[in-house]
Amino acid sequence: MTLSPPASHSGEGRWKRPESVLVVVYTAADEVLVMRRCQPPDFWQSVTGSLRWEETDPLDAAQRELYEETGLSGVEIIACGVVNRFPILPLWRPRYSPETVENVEQVFRVGLPQRRPVTLNPAEHDDYGWLPRKLAAARVSSWTNRNAILSLP
């Protein structure tokens, strides 16, 4: 599902697009990459981010976000066929147009043979770890992220 900007403005540069991607990165040893956001405190997650208004393919956004948040590139990103809808939390509401109340999230996964070095974007994340699947699921803050981790092959 691709959303169009509200008719009142282009959306670009003013509001975030209420469509995002979630990319779970894991290893053959069943370790999952989780990162701690700078804000809010102690908010752990997989790679995630909103599509830009000009992006037409969520896979493009997944590739961009994976690189921006981890420095990882040249890996196969697989669509999981899962689309989540959820209310935008009050903390994030000011980033979206006033009439926007929910976000649509598409889930992707990246399987790696082993851990790879990660380069965090210091504007977004300040720590990371490779955790066993169940610990990673318990650590992340979002129910959609938890479900995605527990649904890995």
Protein backbone atom coordinates (compact mmCIF):
# COMPACT_ATOMS: atom_id res chain seq x y z
CA MET A 1 0.00 0.00 0.00
CA THR A 2 1.42 3.38 -0.96
CA LEU A 3 -0.10 6.50 0.52
CA SER A 4 -0.38 9.82 -1.25
CA PRO A 5 0.33 13.11 0.47
CA PRO A 6 -2.71 15.01 1.71
CA ALA A 7 -4.23 17.26 -0.95
CA SER A 8 -3.51 20.35 1.15
CA HIS A 9 0.27 20.04 0.73
CA SER A 10 2.93 17.85 -0.81
CA GLY A 11 3.97 16.45 2.55
CA GLU A 12 7.60 16.69 1.56
CA GLY A 13 9.69 18.59 4.09
CA ARG A 14 6.71 19.28 6.32
CA TRP A 15 5.30 16.04 7.69
CA LYS A 16 6.54 12.49 7.88
CA ARG A 17 4.84 10.01 5.62
CA PRO A 18 2.73 7.57 7.67
CA GLU A 19 4.15 4.55 5.87
CA SER A 20 7.26 2.84 7.14
CA VAL A 21 9.49 -0.19 6.88
CA LEU A 22 10.80 -2.54 9.54
CA VAL A 23 13.93 -4.52 8.63
CA VAL A 24 14.99 -7.34 10.96
CA VAL A 25 18.64 -8.33 10.53
CA TYR A 26 19.65 -11.75 11.84
CA THR A 27 22.43 -14.33 11.52
CA ALA A 28 22.55 -18.04 10.78
CA ALA A 29 23.37 -18.47 14.50
CA ASP A 30 19.90 -17.02 15.28
CA GLU A 31 21.24 -13.70 16.58
CA VAL A 32 19.23 -10.55 15.89
CA LEU A 33 20.60 -7.02 15.55
CA VAL A 34 18.90 -4.55 17.90
CA MET A 35 19.76 -0.87 18.29
CA ARG A 36 19.00 1.63 21.04
CA ARG A 37 17.50 4.93 19.91
CA CYS A 38 18.97 8.13 21.26
CA GLN A 39 15.42 9.28 22.07
CA PRO A 40 13.32 8.19 23.82
CA PRO A 41 15.63 6.64 26.41
CA ASP A 42 16.00 2.86 26.38
CA PHE A 43 13.92 2.39 23.20
CA TRP A 44 15.34 -0.64 21.36
CA GLN A 45 14.45 -1.58 17.81
CA SER A 46 15.46 -3.16 14.54
CA VAL A 47 16.06 -0.99 11.49
CA THR A 48 12.98 1.12 10.87
CA GLY A 49 12.01 4.32 9.13
CA SER A 50 9.43 6.18 7.11
CA LEU A 51 9.24 6.15 3.36
CA ARG A 52 10.10 9.47 1.79
CA TRP A 53 7.25 11.07 -0.14
CA GLU A 54 9.02 10.46 -3.45
CA GLU A 55 9.71 6.76 -2.78
CA THR A 56 7.33 4.46 -4.62
CA ASP A 57 8.70 1.08 -3.52
CA PRO A 58 8.99 0.11 0.16
CA LEU A 59 11.98 -2.10 -0.77
CA ASP A 60 13.87 1.04 -1.80
CA ALA A 61 13.11 2.56 1.60
CA ALA A 62 14.21 -0.66 3.34
CA GLN A 63 17.55 -0.58 1.50
CA ARG A 64 18.04 3.12 2.27
CA GLU A 65 17.15 2.76 5.95
CA LEU A 66 19.35 -0.33 6.35
CA TYR A 67 22.33 1.57 4.98
CA GLU A 68 21.59 4.82 6.86
CA GLU A 69 21.17 3.11 10.22
CA THR A 70 23.77 0.31 10.03
CA GLY A 71 26.08 0.94 7.08
CA LEU A 72 25.08 -2.49 5.69
CA SER A 73 24.69 -2.77 1.93
CA GLY A 74 24.99 -5.45 -0.73
CA VAL A 75 22.70 -7.82 1.17
CA GLU A 76 19.47 -9.47 0.10
CA ILE A 77 16.41 -7.86 1.66
CA ILE A 78 13.37 -10.12 1.66
CA ALA A 79 9.79 -8.90 1.99
CA CYS A 80 8.00 -10.92 4.68
CA GLY A 81 4.53 -10.23 3.28
CA VAL A 82 3.46 -8.66 6.57
CA VAL A 83 1.80 -5.26 6.75
CA ASN A 84 1.08 -3.82 10.20
CA ARG A 85 -1.26 -0.93 11.02
CA PHE A 86 -0.99 0.81 14.35
CA PRO A 87 -1.87 4.13 16.00
CA ILE A 88 0.93 6.67 16.06
CA LEU A 89 2.04 7.13 19.66
CA PRO A 90 1.64 10.60 21.19
CA LEU A 91 5.44 11.00 21.37
CA TRP A 92 5.69 10.81 17.56
CA ARG A 93 2.42 12.64 16.66
CA PRO A 94 3.98 16.11 16.05
CA ARG A 95 5.99 14.63 13.16
CA TYR A 96 2.82 13.81 11.19
CA SER A 97 0.02 15.91 9.74
CA PRO A 98 -2.75 16.62 12.27
CA GLU A 99 -5.25 14.34 10.47
CA THR A 100 -2.86 11.36 10.45
CA VAL A 101 -3.57 8.91 13.27
CA GLU A 102 -2.08 5.60 12.12
CA ASN A 103 1.00 4.25 10.42
CA VAL A 104 1.29 1.42 7.89
CA GLU A 105 4.47 -0.66 8.29
CA GLN A 106 5.86 -3.24 5.87
CA VAL A 107 8.17 -5.90 7.29
CA PHE A 108 11.41 -7.11 5.70
CA ARG A 109 14.23 -9.39 6.81
CA VAL A 110 17.94 -9.75 6.09
CA GLY A 111 19.64 -13.05 6.85
CA LEU A 112 23.42 -12.96 7.21
CA PRO A 113 25.78 -15.95 7.48
CA GLN A 114 27.42 -14.26 10.48
CA ARG A 115 27.60 -10.94 12.32
CA ARG A 116 28.87 -8.01 10.30
CA PRO A 117 30.31 -4.78 11.63
CA VAL A 118 27.64 -2.13 12.11
CA THR A 119 28.12 1.62 11.79
CA LEU A 120 25.38 3.40 13.71
CA ASN A 121 23.97 6.75 12.68
CA PRO A 122 24.72 8.74 15.89
CA ALA A 123 21.75 11.02 15.26
CA GLU A 124 19.41 8.02 15.68
CA HIS A 125 21.08 5.25 17.72
CA ASP A 126 23.74 5.15 20.42
CA ASP A 127 24.19 1.42 21.07
CA TYR A 128 23.56 -1.95 19.46
CA GLY A 129 23.88 -5.63 20.12
CA TRP A 130 23.50 -9.03 18.49
CA LEU A 131 21.15 -10.95 20.76
CA PRO A 132 19.67 -14.45 20.65
CA ARG A 133 16.21 -14.29 19.05
CA LYS A 134 14.16 -14.58 22.26
CA LEU A 135 16.26 -11.98 24.07
CA ALA A 136 16.05 -9.64 21.10
CA ALA A 137 12.26 -10.03 21.01
CA ALA A 138 12.09 -9.24 24.72
CA ARG A 139 14.36 -6.19 24.33
CA VAL A 140 12.59 -4.36 21.49
CA SER A 141 10.00 -1.76 22.40
CA SER A 142 7.45 -2.32 19.62
CA TRP A 143 4.98 -5.20 19.41
CA THR A 144 5.33 -5.26 15.61
CA ASN A 145 9.10 -5.57 15.95
CA ARG A 146 8.69 -8.33 18.54
CA ASN A 147 6.33 -10.27 16.26
CA ALA A 148 8.68 -9.87 13.29
CA ILE A 149 11.61 -11.24 15.27
CA LEU A 150 9.64 -14.21 16.58
CA SER A 151 8.39 -14.97 13.04
CA LEU A 152 11.85 -15.27 11.49
CA PRO A 153 12.48 -18.54 9.63
